[in-house]
């Protein structure tokens, strides 16, 4: 009878260890995915700042052209 309880106990222990390992691996994979996603958002944000600067320059040039056209009329 003790051998049955021992076998059940070992089975329960092994099952628990395997479950914990699987959960931890899943958490690690999710954390790495979140970090990669945040890094991509940072890249997109930095490229957006560059575009914003270029649009500001274009607006300044367009305002200068409009000013010249108004003086010509």
C-alpha atoms as a PDB file:
ATOM      1  CA  UNK A   1       0.000   0.000   0.000  1.00  0.00           C
ATOM      2  CA  UNK A   2       2.857   2.370   0.800  1.00  0.00           C
ATOM      3  CA  UNK A   3       4.286   1.767  -2.646  1.00  0.00           C
ATOM      4  CA  UNK A   4       1.034   2.961  -4.236  1.00  0.00           C
ATOM      5  CA  UNK A   5       1.043   6.145  -2.123  1.00  0.00           C
ATOM      6  CA  UNK A   6       4.696   6.672  -3.014  1.00  0.00           C
ATOM      7  CA  UNK A   7       3.991   6.237  -6.721  1.00  0.00           C
ATOM      8  CA  UNK A   8       1.007   8.603  -6.542  1.00  0.00           C
ATOM      9  CA  UNK A   9       3.099  11.147  -4.639  1.00  0.00           C
ATOM     10  CA  UNK A  10       5.937  10.969  -7.142  1.00  0.00           C
ATOM     11  CA  UNK A  11       3.454  11.283 -10.019  1.00  0.00           C
ATOM     12  CA  UNK A  12       1.850  14.330  -8.400  1.00  0.00           C
ATOM     13  CA  UNK A  13       5.281  15.892  -7.782  1.00  0.00           C
ATOM     14  CA  UNK A  14       6.441  15.319 -11.358  1.00  0.00           C
ATOM     15  CA  UNK A  15       3.154  16.659 -12.731  1.00  0.00           C
ATOM     16  CA  UNK A  16       3.475  19.783 -10.565  1.00  0.00           C
ATOM     17  CA  UNK A  17       7.070  20.389 -11.643  1.00  0.00           C
ATOM     18  CA  UNK A  18       6.214  19.980 -15.306  1.00  0.00           C
ATOM     19  CA  UNK A  19       3.244  22.340 -14.942  1.00  0.00           C
ATOM     20  CA  UNK A  20       5.362  24.994 -13.244  1.00  0.00           C
ATOM     21  CA  UNK A  21       8.026  24.709 -15.942  1.00  0.00           C
ATOM     22  CA  UNK A  22       5.453  25.092 -18.721  1.00  0.00           C
ATOM     23  CA  UNK A  23       3.875  28.137 -17.035  1.00  0.00           C
ATOM     24  CA  UNK A  24       7.275  29.785 -16.537  1.00  0.00           C
ATOM     25  CA  UNK A  25       8.307  29.172 -20.137  1.00  0.00           C
ATOM     26  CA  UNK A  26       5.023  30.719 -21.287  1.00  0.00           C
ATOM     27  CA  UNK A  27       5.586  33.765 -19.083  1.00  0.00           C
ATOM     28  CA  UNK A  28       9.098  34.180 -20.469  1.00  0.00           C
ATOM     29  CA  UNK A  29       7.875  33.969 -24.063  1.00  0.00           C
ATOM     30  CA  UNK A  30       5.134  36.542 -23.368  1.00  0.00           C
ATOM     31  CA  UNK A  31       7.638  38.895 -21.703  1.00  0.00           C
ATOM     32  CA  UNK A  32      10.039  38.664 -24.644  1.00  0.00           C
ATOM     33  CA  UNK A  33       7.196  39.332 -27.077  1.00  0.00           C
ATOM     34  CA  UNK A  34       6.138  42.389 -25.058  1.00  0.00           C
ATOM     35  CA  UNK A  35       9.698  43.739 -25.097  1.00  0.00           C
ATOM     36  CA  UNK A  36       9.984  43.227 -28.842  1.00  0.00           C
ATOM     37  CA  UNK A  37       6.638  44.960 -29.373  1.00  0.00           C
ATOM     38  CA  UNK A  38       7.710  47.930 -27.233  1.00  0.00           C
ATOM     39  CA  UNK A  39      10.961  48.196 -29.176  1.00  0.00           C
ATOM     40  CA  UNK A  40       9.013  48.333 -32.443  1.00  0.00           C
ATOM     41  CA  UNK A  41       6.757  51.064 -31.007  1.00  0.00           C
ATOM     42  CA  UNK A  42       9.853  53.078 -30.063  1.00  0.00           C
ATOM     43  CA  UNK A  43      11.197  52.760 -33.609  1.00  0.00           C
ATOM     44  CA  UNK A  44       7.882  53.871 -35.085  1.00  0.00           C
ATOM     45  CA  UNK A  45       7.702  56.828 -32.690  1.00  0.00           C
ATOM     46  CA  UNK A  46      11.213  57.979 -33.550  1.00  0.00           C
ATOM     47  CA  UNK A  47      10.517  57.773 -37.272  1.00  0.00           C
ATOM     48  CA  UNK A  48       7.308  59.737 -36.693  1.00  0.00           C
ATOM     49  CA  UNK A  49       9.293  62.527 -35.067  1.00  0.00           C
ATOM     50  CA  UNK A  50      11.483  62.758 -38.157  1.00  0.00           C
ATOM     51  CA  UNK A  51       8.424  62.958 -40.382  1.00  0.00           C
ATOM     52  CA  UNK A  52       6.964  65.672 -38.154  1.00  0.00           C
ATOM     53  CA  UNK A  53      10.148  67.731 -38.533  1.00  0.00           C
ATOM     54  CA  UNK A  54      10.068  67.350 -42.329  1.00  0.00           C
ATOM     55  CA  UNK A  55       6.424  68.396 -42.436  1.00  0.00           C
ATOM     56  CA  UNK A  56       7.295  71.513 -40.451  1.00  0.00           C
ATOM     57  CA  UNK A  57       9.982  72.401 -42.986  1.00  0.00           C
ATOM     58  CA  UNK A  58       7.552  71.846 -45.865  1.00  0.00           C
ATOM     59  CA  UNK A  59       4.965  74.086 -44.187  1.00  0.00           C
ATOM     60  CA  UNK A  60       7.568  76.848 -43.817  1.00  0.00           C
ATOM     61  CA  UNK A  61       8.547  76.573 -47.484  1.00  0.00           C
ATOM     62  CA  UNK A  62       4.919  76.556 -48.590  1.00  0.00           C
ATOM     63  CA  UNK A  63       4.212  79.673 -46.516  1.00  0.00           C
ATOM     64  CA  UNK A  64       7.185  81.404 -48.180  1.00  0.00           C
ATOM     65  CA  UNK A  65       5.938  80.431 -51.646  1.00  0.00           C
ATOM     66  CA  UNK A  66       2.425  81.685 -50.835  1.00  0.00           C
ATOM     67  CA  UNK A  67       3.893  84.978 -49.628  1.00  0.00           C
ATOM     68  CA  UNK A  68       5.844  85.385 -52.870  1.00  0.00           C
ATOM     69  CA  UNK A  69       2.764  84.553 -54.966  1.00  0.00           C
ATOM     70  CA  UNK A  70       0.661  87.120 -53.095  1.00  0.00           C
ATOM     71  CA  UNK A  71       3.255  89.824 -53.684  1.00  0.00           C
ATOM     72  CA  UNK A  72       3.399  88.957 -57.388  1.00  0.00           C
ATOM     73  CA  UNK A  73      -0.375  89.321 -57.819  1.00  0.00           C
END
